[in-house]
């Protein structure tokens, strides 16, 4: 669907349902993504303050830092209209290591149980990746789709990294 908006001496092609430009839609969605990431970070902070175990606190601190880095990346994408992931560009392949566990709702994480905290983090990353993937398909503007696709790939990378940590730390003695 293409809509042509005629103004004073200009015409602007708009391909969004709202009638807003791709840039406006992209930035609005990125602002909402930032708010989601901030809530995730705040949740990690709450768990950090509740935890009494140093190794769990260390993980939660690392997770908070990662969310802050992601927020900076998203803000940069809002400014530039592009997403630069750096030298370690993700392939976007989801290993799905723990998807059988994530398919059901998880209880609130126990701040003193590393496995519980990791599963919660993996679930949040998985859920956000799904939303970003949908956004990348739905908003196929000149730069919008690429930004959301890169964010979805980045979130897949986060999920895979957390799943590997879970496997190494929790399942290591299981086999």
N, C-alpha and C. Protein backbone atom coordinates (compact mmCIF):
# COMPACT_ATOMS: atom_id res chain seq x y z
N UNK A 1 0.84 -1.16 0.00
CA UNK A 1 0.00 0.00 0.00
C UNK A 1 0.89 1.23 0.00
N UNK A 2 0.71 2.11 -0.96
CA UNK A 2 1.46 3.36 -1.01
C UNK A 2 0.49 4.51 -0.92
N UNK A 3 0.83 5.48 -0.11
CA UNK A 3 0.01 6.66 0.04
C UNK A 3 0.87 7.86 -0.35
N UNK A 4 0.33 8.74 -1.16
CA UNK A 4 1.05 9.95 -1.53
C UNK A 4 0.42 11.10 -0.76
N UNK A 5 1.24 11.78 0.02
CA UNK A 5 0.77 12.93 0.79
C UNK A 5 1.25 14.18 0.08
N UNK A 6 0.32 15.03 -0.29
CA UNK A 6 0.67 16.25 -1.00
C UNK A 6 0.71 17.41 -0.01
N UNK A 7 1.78 18.12 -0.01
CA UNK A 7 1.92 19.29 0.84
C UNK A 7 2.24 20.49 -0.01
N UNK A 8 2.72 21.53 0.61
CA UNK A 8 3.08 22.71 -0.14
C UNK A 8 4.38 22.44 -0.89
N UNK A 9 4.29 22.36 -2.17
CA UNK A 9 5.44 22.16 -3.05
C UNK A 9 6.18 20.84 -2.84
N UNK A 10 5.57 19.88 -2.19
CA UNK A 10 6.28 18.61 -2.04
C UNK A 10 5.30 17.46 -1.99
N UNK A 11 5.75 16.32 -2.42
CA UNK A 11 4.98 15.10 -2.24
C UNK A 11 5.88 14.11 -1.54
N UNK A 12 5.28 13.35 -0.66
CA UNK A 12 6.06 12.42 0.14
C UNK A 12 5.38 11.06 0.08
N UNK A 13 6.12 10.05 -0.32
CA UNK A 13 5.58 8.70 -0.41
C UNK A 13 5.67 8.05 0.97
N UNK A 14 4.55 7.52 1.45
CA UNK A 14 4.48 6.90 2.76
C UNK A 14 3.94 5.49 2.59
N UNK A 15 4.64 4.50 3.13
CA UNK A 15 4.23 3.11 2.99
C UNK A 15 3.89 2.49 4.34
N UNK A 16 3.34 3.24 5.24
CA UNK A 16 2.96 2.70 6.53
C UNK A 16 1.47 2.86 6.74
N UNK A 17 0.91 2.01 7.54
CA UNK A 17 -0.53 2.06 7.82
C UNK A 17 -0.91 3.37 8.51
N UNK A 18 -0.05 3.84 9.40
CA UNK A 18 -0.35 5.06 10.15
C UNK A 18 -0.25 6.31 9.30
N UNK A 19 0.38 6.21 8.13
CA UNK A 19 0.58 7.38 7.30
C UNK A 19 1.84 8.15 7.66
N UNK A 20 2.57 7.65 8.64
CA UNK A 20 3.82 8.30 9.04
C UNK A 20 4.94 7.78 8.16
N UNK A 21 6.01 8.53 8.10
CA UNK A 21 7.16 8.08 7.31
C UNK A 21 7.81 6.88 7.97
N UNK A 22 8.59 6.15 7.17
CA UNK A 22 9.31 4.99 7.71
C UNK A 22 10.21 5.40 8.87
N UNK A 23 10.85 6.54 8.74
CA UNK A 23 11.77 6.99 9.78
C UNK A 23 11.03 7.25 11.08
N UNK A 24 9.85 7.86 11.00
CA UNK A 24 9.05 8.12 12.20
C UNK A 24 8.63 6.80 12.85
N UNK A 25 8.15 5.88 12.03
CA UNK A 25 7.71 4.58 12.55
C UNK A 25 8.89 3.84 13.17
N UNK A 26 10.01 3.81 12.42
CA UNK A 26 11.21 3.13 12.93
C UNK A 26 11.64 3.71 14.27
N UNK A 27 11.71 5.03 14.37
CA UNK A 27 12.16 5.65 15.62
C UNK A 27 11.17 5.42 16.76
N UNK A 28 9.91 5.42 16.47
CA UNK A 28 8.91 5.14 17.50
C UNK A 28 9.07 3.70 18.01
N UNK A 29 9.24 2.77 17.09
CA UNK A 29 9.43 1.38 17.48
C UNK A 29 10.76 1.18 18.22
N UNK A 30 11.78 1.87 17.80
CA UNK A 30 13.08 1.77 18.49
C UNK A 30 12.99 2.36 19.90
N UNK A 31 12.25 3.45 20.06
CA UNK A 31 12.06 4.01 21.42
C UNK A 31 11.36 3.00 22.31
N UNK A 32 10.39 2.31 21.76
CA UNK A 32 9.69 1.28 22.55
C UNK A 32 10.60 0.10 22.86
N UNK A 33 11.46 -0.23 21.92
CA UNK A 33 12.44 -1.30 22.15
C UNK A 33 13.40 -0.89 23.27
N UNK A 34 13.80 0.36 23.27
CA UNK A 34 14.66 0.87 24.35
C UNK A 34 13.95 0.74 25.68
N UNK A 35 12.68 1.11 25.73
CA UNK A 35 11.93 0.99 26.99
C UNK A 35 11.85 -0.46 27.46
N UNK A 36 11.67 -1.39 26.52
CA UNK A 36 11.67 -2.81 26.88
C UNK A 36 13.03 -3.22 27.46
N UNK A 37 14.10 -2.79 26.80
CA UNK A 37 15.44 -3.11 27.28
C UNK A 37 15.70 -2.49 28.65
N UNK A 38 15.20 -1.28 28.87
CA UNK A 38 15.35 -0.63 30.17
C UNK A 38 14.61 -1.40 31.26
N UNK A 39 13.43 -1.92 30.93
CA UNK A 39 12.69 -2.73 31.91
C UNK A 39 13.42 -4.03 32.22
N UNK A 40 14.01 -4.64 31.20
CA UNK A 40 14.79 -5.85 31.41
C UNK A 40 15.97 -5.54 32.33
N UNK A 41 16.65 -4.44 32.04
CA UNK A 41 17.79 -4.03 32.86
C UNK A 41 17.37 -3.75 34.30
N UNK A 42 16.22 -3.10 34.45
CA UNK A 42 15.70 -2.82 35.79
C UNK A 42 15.38 -4.12 36.53
N UNK A 43 14.87 -5.10 35.82
CA UNK A 43 14.58 -6.41 36.43
C UNK A 43 15.87 -7.06 36.91
N UNK A 44 16.92 -6.98 36.08
CA UNK A 44 18.22 -7.51 36.49
C UNK A 44 18.73 -6.79 37.73
N UNK A 45 18.52 -5.50 37.79
CA UNK A 45 18.94 -4.71 38.96
C UNK A 45 18.20 -5.17 40.21
N UNK A 46 16.90 -5.39 40.09
CA UNK A 46 16.10 -5.87 41.23
C UNK A 46 16.62 -7.23 41.71
N UNK A 47 16.86 -8.13 40.77
CA UNK A 47 17.37 -9.45 41.14
C UNK A 47 18.76 -9.33 41.76
N UNK A 48 19.58 -8.44 41.22
CA UNK A 48 20.92 -8.21 41.76
C UNK A 48 20.83 -7.79 43.24
N UNK A 49 19.92 -6.86 43.52
CA UNK A 49 19.75 -6.37 44.89
C UNK A 49 19.19 -7.43 45.84
N UNK A 50 18.45 -8.39 45.30
CA UNK A 50 17.87 -9.45 46.13
C UNK A 50 18.83 -10.62 46.34
N UNK A 51 19.77 -10.77 45.44
CA UNK A 51 20.66 -11.93 45.50
C UNK A 51 21.71 -11.78 46.59
N UNK A 52 22.05 -12.93 47.18
CA UNK A 52 23.09 -12.96 48.21
C UNK A 52 24.32 -13.73 47.73
N UNK A 53 24.30 -14.22 46.51
CA UNK A 53 25.38 -15.03 45.98
C UNK A 53 26.22 -14.24 44.99
N UNK A 54 27.52 -14.22 45.21
CA UNK A 54 28.43 -13.43 44.38
C UNK A 54 28.40 -13.83 42.91
N UNK A 55 28.38 -15.14 42.63
CA UNK A 55 28.41 -15.57 41.22
C UNK A 55 27.13 -15.19 40.49
N UNK A 56 26.00 -15.18 41.18
CA UNK A 56 24.74 -14.77 40.58
C UNK A 56 24.76 -13.26 40.37
N UNK A 57 25.28 -12.53 41.37
CA UNK A 57 25.37 -11.08 41.25
C UNK A 57 26.28 -10.68 40.09
N UNK A 58 27.36 -11.41 39.90
CA UNK A 58 28.28 -11.13 38.81
C UNK A 58 27.57 -11.31 37.46
N UNK A 59 26.85 -12.41 37.33
CA UNK A 59 26.11 -12.65 36.09
C UNK A 59 25.09 -11.53 35.86
N UNK A 60 24.34 -11.17 36.88
CA UNK A 60 23.33 -10.12 36.74
C UNK A 60 23.96 -8.78 36.39
N UNK A 61 25.11 -8.49 36.96
CA UNK A 61 25.82 -7.26 36.62
C UNK A 61 26.24 -7.29 35.15
N UNK A 62 26.75 -8.42 34.69
CA UNK A 62 27.12 -8.56 33.27
C UNK A 62 25.90 -8.39 32.37
N UNK A 63 24.77 -8.96 32.77
CA UNK A 63 23.55 -8.83 31.98
C UNK A 63 23.09 -7.38 31.91
N UNK A 64 23.17 -6.66 33.03
CA UNK A 64 22.80 -5.24 33.05
C UNK A 64 23.70 -4.44 32.11
N UNK A 65 24.99 -4.72 32.14
CA UNK A 65 25.93 -4.02 31.26
C UNK A 65 25.63 -4.30 29.80
N UNK A 66 25.28 -5.54 29.49
CA UNK A 66 24.94 -5.92 28.12
C UNK A 66 23.70 -5.17 27.65
N UNK A 67 22.72 -5.05 28.52
CA UNK A 67 21.50 -4.30 28.16
C UNK A 67 21.83 -2.84 27.91
N UNK A 68 22.72 -2.26 28.72
CA UNK A 68 23.14 -0.87 28.52
C UNK A 68 23.83 -0.69 27.18
N UNK A 69 24.68 -1.65 26.82
CA UNK A 69 25.34 -1.61 25.51
C UNK A 69 24.30 -1.68 24.38
N UNK A 70 23.33 -2.56 24.54
CA UNK A 70 22.28 -2.70 23.53
C UNK A 70 21.49 -1.41 23.39
N UNK A 71 21.18 -0.76 24.49
CA UNK A 71 20.44 0.50 24.46
C UNK A 71 21.25 1.56 23.71
N UNK A 72 22.55 1.60 23.95
CA UNK A 72 23.41 2.55 23.22
C UNK A 72 23.39 2.24 21.71
N UNK A 73 23.44 0.97 21.35
CA UNK A 73 23.37 0.58 19.93
C UNK A 73 22.05 1.03 19.29
N UNK A 74 20.97 0.85 20.01
CA UNK A 74 19.65 1.21 19.48
C UNK A 74 19.55 2.73 19.32
N UNK A 75 20.05 3.47 20.31
CA UNK A 75 20.03 4.93 20.20
C UNK A 75 20.85 5.40 19.00
N UNK A 76 21.97 4.75 18.77
CA UNK A 76 22.81 5.09 17.62
C UNK A 76 22.06 4.78 16.33
N UNK A 77 21.33 3.67 16.31
CA UNK A 77 20.53 3.32 15.13
C UNK A 77 19.45 4.37 14.87
N UNK A 78 18.89 4.92 15.93
CA UNK A 78 17.89 5.98 15.77
C UNK A 78 18.51 7.21 15.12
N UNK A 79 19.74 7.52 15.50
CA UNK A 79 20.42 8.69 14.96
C UNK A 79 20.82 8.48 13.50
N UNK A 80 21.35 7.31 13.20
CA UNK A 80 21.93 7.08 11.87
C UNK A 80 20.99 6.38 10.90
N UNK A 81 19.99 5.68 11.42
CA UNK A 81 19.10 4.93 10.55
C UNK A 81 19.66 3.58 10.13
N UNK A 82 20.84 3.24 10.64
CA UNK A 82 21.44 1.94 10.32
C UNK A 82 21.90 1.28 11.61
N UNK A 83 22.12 0.00 11.51
CA UNK A 83 22.54 -0.78 12.67
C UNK A 83 23.90 -1.37 12.38
N UNK A 84 24.89 -0.98 13.14
CA UNK A 84 26.24 -1.53 13.00
C UNK A 84 26.51 -2.41 14.20
N UNK A 85 26.77 -3.69 13.92
CA UNK A 85 26.96 -4.65 15.00
C UNK A 85 28.42 -4.88 15.33
N UNK A 86 29.33 -4.35 14.56
CA UNK A 86 30.74 -4.55 14.86
C UNK A 86 31.30 -5.76 14.15
N UNK A 87 32.50 -6.14 14.56
CA UNK A 87 33.23 -7.23 13.90
C UNK A 87 32.57 -8.58 14.08
N UNK A 88 31.83 -8.77 15.16
CA UNK A 88 31.23 -10.07 15.44
C UNK A 88 29.79 -10.13 14.95
N UNK A 89 29.56 -9.73 13.71
CA UNK A 89 28.20 -9.79 13.17
C UNK A 89 27.62 -11.19 13.35
N UNK A 90 26.43 -11.22 13.86
CA UNK A 90 25.75 -12.48 14.12
C UNK A 90 25.23 -13.07 12.82
N UNK A 91 25.15 -14.36 12.78
CA UNK A 91 24.56 -15.02 11.62
C UNK A 91 23.05 -15.12 11.76
N UNK A 92 22.55 -14.90 12.96
CA UNK A 92 21.11 -14.97 13.18
C UNK A 92 20.59 -16.38 13.34
N UNK A 93 21.48 -17.35 13.43
CA UNK A 93 21.06 -18.74 13.59
C UNK A 93 20.77 -19.01 15.06
N UNK A 94 19.56 -19.43 15.34
CA UNK A 94 19.15 -19.74 16.71
C UNK A 94 19.42 -21.22 16.95
N UNK A 95 20.28 -21.51 17.90
CA UNK A 95 20.61 -22.90 18.19
C UNK A 95 19.45 -23.63 18.88
N UNK A 96 18.56 -22.90 19.51
CA UNK A 96 17.39 -23.50 20.12
C UNK A 96 17.72 -24.52 21.20
N UNK A 97 18.86 -24.34 21.86
CA UNK A 97 19.32 -25.33 22.83
C UNK A 97 18.32 -25.59 23.95
N UNK A 98 17.65 -24.55 24.42
CA UNK A 98 16.76 -24.71 25.56
C UNK A 98 15.31 -24.37 25.23
N UNK A 99 14.98 -24.38 23.95
CA UNK A 99 13.62 -23.99 23.56
C UNK A 99 12.55 -24.88 24.16
N UNK A 100 12.88 -26.13 24.43
CA UNK A 100 11.90 -27.03 25.05
C UNK A 100 11.52 -26.53 26.45
N UNK A 101 12.44 -25.87 27.13
CA UNK A 101 12.14 -25.32 28.47
C UNK A 101 11.42 -23.99 28.33
N UNK A 102 11.80 -23.19 27.34
CA UNK A 102 11.26 -21.85 27.18
C UNK A 102 9.83 -21.85 26.64
N UNK A 103 9.38 -22.95 26.09
CA UNK A 103 8.06 -22.99 25.49
C UNK A 103 6.95 -22.83 26.52
N UNK A 104 7.24 -23.13 27.78
CA UNK A 104 6.24 -22.93 28.83
C UNK A 104 6.60 -21.70 29.65
N UNK A 105 5.61 -21.16 30.34
CA UNK A 105 5.87 -20.00 31.19
C UNK A 105 6.75 -20.43 32.35
N UNK A 106 7.69 -19.56 32.68
CA UNK A 106 8.60 -19.83 33.77
C UNK A 106 8.15 -19.07 35.01
N UNK A 107 8.44 -19.63 36.17
CA UNK A 107 8.17 -18.94 37.42
C UNK A 107 9.10 -17.75 37.53
N UNK A 108 8.79 -16.83 38.43
CA UNK A 108 9.70 -15.73 38.69
C UNK A 108 11.05 -16.30 39.08
N UNK A 109 12.12 -15.70 38.59
CA UNK A 109 13.45 -16.25 38.89
C UNK A 109 13.80 -16.11 40.37
N UNK A 110 14.48 -17.11 40.88
CA UNK A 110 15.00 -17.07 42.24
C UNK A 110 16.33 -16.33 42.17
N UNK A 111 16.47 -15.18 42.85
CA UNK A 111 17.69 -14.39 42.75
C UNK A 111 18.93 -15.09 43.30
N UNK A 112 18.76 -16.21 43.98
CA UNK A 112 19.88 -16.95 44.53
C UNK A 112 20.12 -18.28 43.83
N UNK A 113 19.51 -18.43 42.64
CA UNK A 113 19.67 -19.65 41.86
C UNK A 113 20.13 -19.28 40.46
N UNK A 114 21.38 -19.58 40.15
CA UNK A 114 21.97 -19.22 38.87
C UNK A 114 21.16 -19.77 37.69
N UNK A 115 20.73 -21.01 37.78
CA UNK A 115 19.96 -21.62 36.70
C UNK A 115 18.65 -20.89 36.45
N UNK A 116 17.97 -20.51 37.51
CA UNK A 116 16.71 -19.80 37.40
C UNK A 116 16.90 -18.43 36.76
N UNK A 117 17.95 -17.73 37.17
CA UNK A 117 18.24 -16.40 36.62
C UNK A 117 18.60 -16.53 35.13
N UNK A 118 19.42 -17.50 34.80
CA UNK A 118 19.81 -17.70 33.40
C UNK A 118 18.61 -18.05 32.52
N UNK A 119 17.76 -18.95 32.99
CA UNK A 119 16.57 -19.32 32.21
C UNK A 119 15.67 -18.11 31.98
N UNK A 120 15.52 -17.29 33.01
CA UNK A 120 14.70 -16.08 32.87
C UNK A 120 15.30 -15.14 31.84
N UNK A 121 16.62 -14.96 31.88
CA UNK A 121 17.30 -14.09 30.92
C UNK A 121 17.17 -14.64 29.50
N UNK A 122 17.30 -15.94 29.34
CA UNK A 122 17.16 -16.57 28.03
C UNK A 122 15.74 -16.38 27.51
N UNK A 123 14.76 -16.55 28.37
CA UNK A 123 13.36 -16.38 27.98
C UNK A 123 13.09 -14.94 27.53
N UNK A 124 13.61 -13.96 28.29
CA UNK A 124 13.40 -12.56 27.91
C UNK A 124 14.06 -12.26 26.57
N UNK A 125 15.25 -12.77 26.36
CA UNK A 125 15.95 -12.56 25.10
C UNK A 125 15.21 -13.23 23.95
N UNK A 126 14.72 -14.42 24.17
CA UNK A 126 13.96 -15.16 23.17
C UNK A 126 12.68 -14.40 22.79
N UNK A 127 11.96 -13.92 23.78
CA UNK A 127 10.72 -13.18 23.52
C UNK A 127 10.99 -11.90 22.74
N UNK A 128 12.03 -11.17 23.13
CA UNK A 128 12.37 -9.93 22.43
C UNK A 128 12.82 -10.22 21.00
N UNK A 129 13.56 -11.30 20.81
CA UNK A 129 14.00 -11.67 19.46
C UNK A 129 12.80 -11.93 18.56
N UNK A 130 11.78 -12.59 19.09
CA UNK A 130 10.58 -12.89 18.29
C UNK A 130 9.87 -11.60 17.88
N UNK A 131 9.75 -10.65 18.81
CA UNK A 131 9.10 -9.37 18.51
C UNK A 131 9.90 -8.61 17.45
N UNK A 132 11.21 -8.56 17.61
CA UNK A 132 12.05 -7.85 16.64
C UNK A 132 12.01 -8.50 15.26
N UNK A 133 11.92 -9.82 15.22
CA UNK A 133 11.81 -10.53 13.93
C UNK A 133 10.51 -10.16 13.22
N UNK A 134 9.44 -10.10 13.98
CA UNK A 134 8.15 -9.71 13.39
C UNK A 134 8.23 -8.28 12.88
N UNK A 135 8.83 -7.39 13.66
CA UNK A 135 8.96 -6.00 13.24
C UNK A 135 9.79 -5.89 11.97
N UNK A 136 10.82 -6.71 11.84
CA UNK A 136 11.66 -6.65 10.64
C UNK A 136 10.88 -7.09 9.40
N UNK A 137 9.92 -7.97 9.57
CA UNK A 137 9.09 -8.42 8.44
C UNK A 137 7.98 -7.43 8.13
N UNK A 138 7.43 -6.81 9.16
CA UNK A 138 6.28 -5.92 8.98
C UNK A 138 6.66 -4.53 8.49
N UNK A 139 7.82 -4.06 8.86
CA UNK A 139 8.23 -2.71 8.50
C UNK A 139 9.41 -2.78 7.54
N UNK A 140 9.08 -2.86 6.28
CA UNK A 140 10.09 -3.04 5.24
C UNK A 140 10.42 -1.71 4.57
N UNK A 141 10.72 -0.72 5.37
CA UNK A 141 11.14 0.55 4.82
C UNK A 141 12.58 0.48 4.36
N UNK A 142 13.07 1.57 3.80
CA UNK A 142 14.44 1.58 3.28
C UNK A 142 15.48 1.15 4.31
N UNK A 143 15.32 1.60 5.54
CA UNK A 143 16.30 1.20 6.56
C UNK A 143 15.66 0.50 7.75
N UNK A 144 14.37 0.59 7.88
CA UNK A 144 13.70 0.00 9.05
C UNK A 144 13.91 -1.49 9.16
N UNK A 145 13.67 -2.19 8.08
CA UNK A 145 13.77 -3.65 8.10
C UNK A 145 15.18 -4.09 8.49
N UNK A 146 16.19 -3.45 7.94
CA UNK A 146 17.57 -3.81 8.23
C UNK A 146 17.88 -3.60 9.71
N UNK A 147 17.42 -2.49 10.28
CA UNK A 147 17.68 -2.21 11.70
C UNK A 147 17.03 -3.28 12.57
N UNK A 148 15.78 -3.59 12.31
CA UNK A 148 15.09 -4.59 13.13
C UNK A 148 15.64 -5.99 12.91
N UNK A 149 16.04 -6.29 11.68
CA UNK A 149 16.65 -7.60 11.41
C UNK A 149 17.96 -7.73 12.17
N UNK A 150 18.77 -6.69 12.16
CA UNK A 150 20.05 -6.72 12.89
C UNK A 150 19.81 -6.84 14.39
N UNK A 151 18.82 -6.11 14.90
CA UNK A 151 18.50 -6.23 16.33
C UNK A 151 18.03 -7.64 16.68
N UNK A 152 17.21 -8.23 15.81
CA UNK A 152 16.74 -9.60 16.05
C UNK A 152 17.91 -10.58 16.04
N UNK A 153 18.82 -10.40 15.08
CA UNK A 153 20.01 -11.27 15.02
C UNK A 153 20.87 -11.08 16.27
N UNK A 154 21.00 -9.84 16.72
CA UNK A 154 21.78 -9.55 17.92
C UNK A 154 21.14 -10.23 19.14
N UNK A 155 19.82 -10.19 19.21
CA UNK A 155 19.13 -10.82 20.34
C UNK A 155 19.26 -12.34 20.26
N UNK A 156 19.27 -12.90 19.06
CA UNK A 156 19.51 -14.33 18.89
C UNK A 156 20.89 -14.69 19.39
N UNK A 157 21.86 -13.85 19.07
CA UNK A 157 23.22 -14.05 19.55
C UNK A 157 23.26 -14.02 21.09
N UNK A 158 22.54 -13.08 21.69
CA UNK A 158 22.46 -13.00 23.16
C UNK A 158 21.86 -14.28 23.74
N UNK A 159 20.78 -14.73 23.12
CA UNK A 159 20.11 -15.94 23.59
C UNK A 159 21.05 -17.15 23.50
N UNK A 160 21.74 -17.28 22.39
CA UNK A 160 22.68 -18.40 22.21
C UNK A 160 23.81 -18.34 23.24
N UNK A 161 24.33 -17.14 23.48
CA UNK A 161 25.41 -16.98 24.45
C UNK A 161 24.94 -17.38 25.85
N UNK A 162 23.75 -16.93 26.23
CA UNK A 162 23.20 -17.28 27.54
C UNK A 162 22.91 -18.78 27.64
N UNK A 163 22.45 -19.36 26.55
CA UNK A 163 22.17 -20.80 26.54
C UNK A 163 23.46 -21.60 26.72
N UNK A 164 24.54 -21.13 26.09
CA UNK A 164 25.83 -21.80 26.25
C UNK A 164 26.32 -21.69 27.69
N UNK A 165 26.14 -20.52 28.30
CA UNK A 165 26.53 -20.35 29.70
C UNK A 165 25.72 -21.30 30.58
N UNK A 166 24.42 -21.38 30.30
CA UNK A 166 23.55 -22.27 31.07
C UNK A 166 24.04 -23.72 30.93
N UNK A 167 24.34 -24.10 29.70
CA UNK A 167 24.79 -25.47 29.45
C UNK A 167 26.10 -25.76 30.18
N UNK A 168 27.03 -24.81 30.13
CA UNK A 168 28.32 -25.00 30.79
C UNK A 168 28.22 -25.02 32.30
N UNK A 169 27.40 -24.14 32.87
CA UNK A 169 27.37 -23.99 34.32
C UNK A 169 26.34 -24.87 35.01
N UNK A 170 25.24 -25.12 34.36
CA UNK A 170 24.14 -25.85 35.01
C UNK A 170 24.15 -27.32 34.56
N UNK A 171 24.28 -27.55 33.26
CA UNK A 171 24.20 -28.92 32.74
C UNK A 171 25.53 -29.66 32.71
N UNK A 172 26.62 -29.01 33.10
CA UNK A 172 27.94 -29.61 32.95
C UNK A 172 28.07 -30.96 33.67
N UNK A 173 27.45 -31.10 34.83
CA UNK A 173 27.54 -32.36 35.57
C UNK A 173 26.36 -33.28 35.32
N UNK A 174 25.43 -32.82 34.48
CA UNK A 174 24.22 -33.59 34.23
C UNK A 174 24.54 -34.82 33.37
N UNK A 175 25.39 -34.67 32.40
CA UNK A 175 25.69 -35.74 31.47
C UNK A 175 26.69 -36.63 32.09
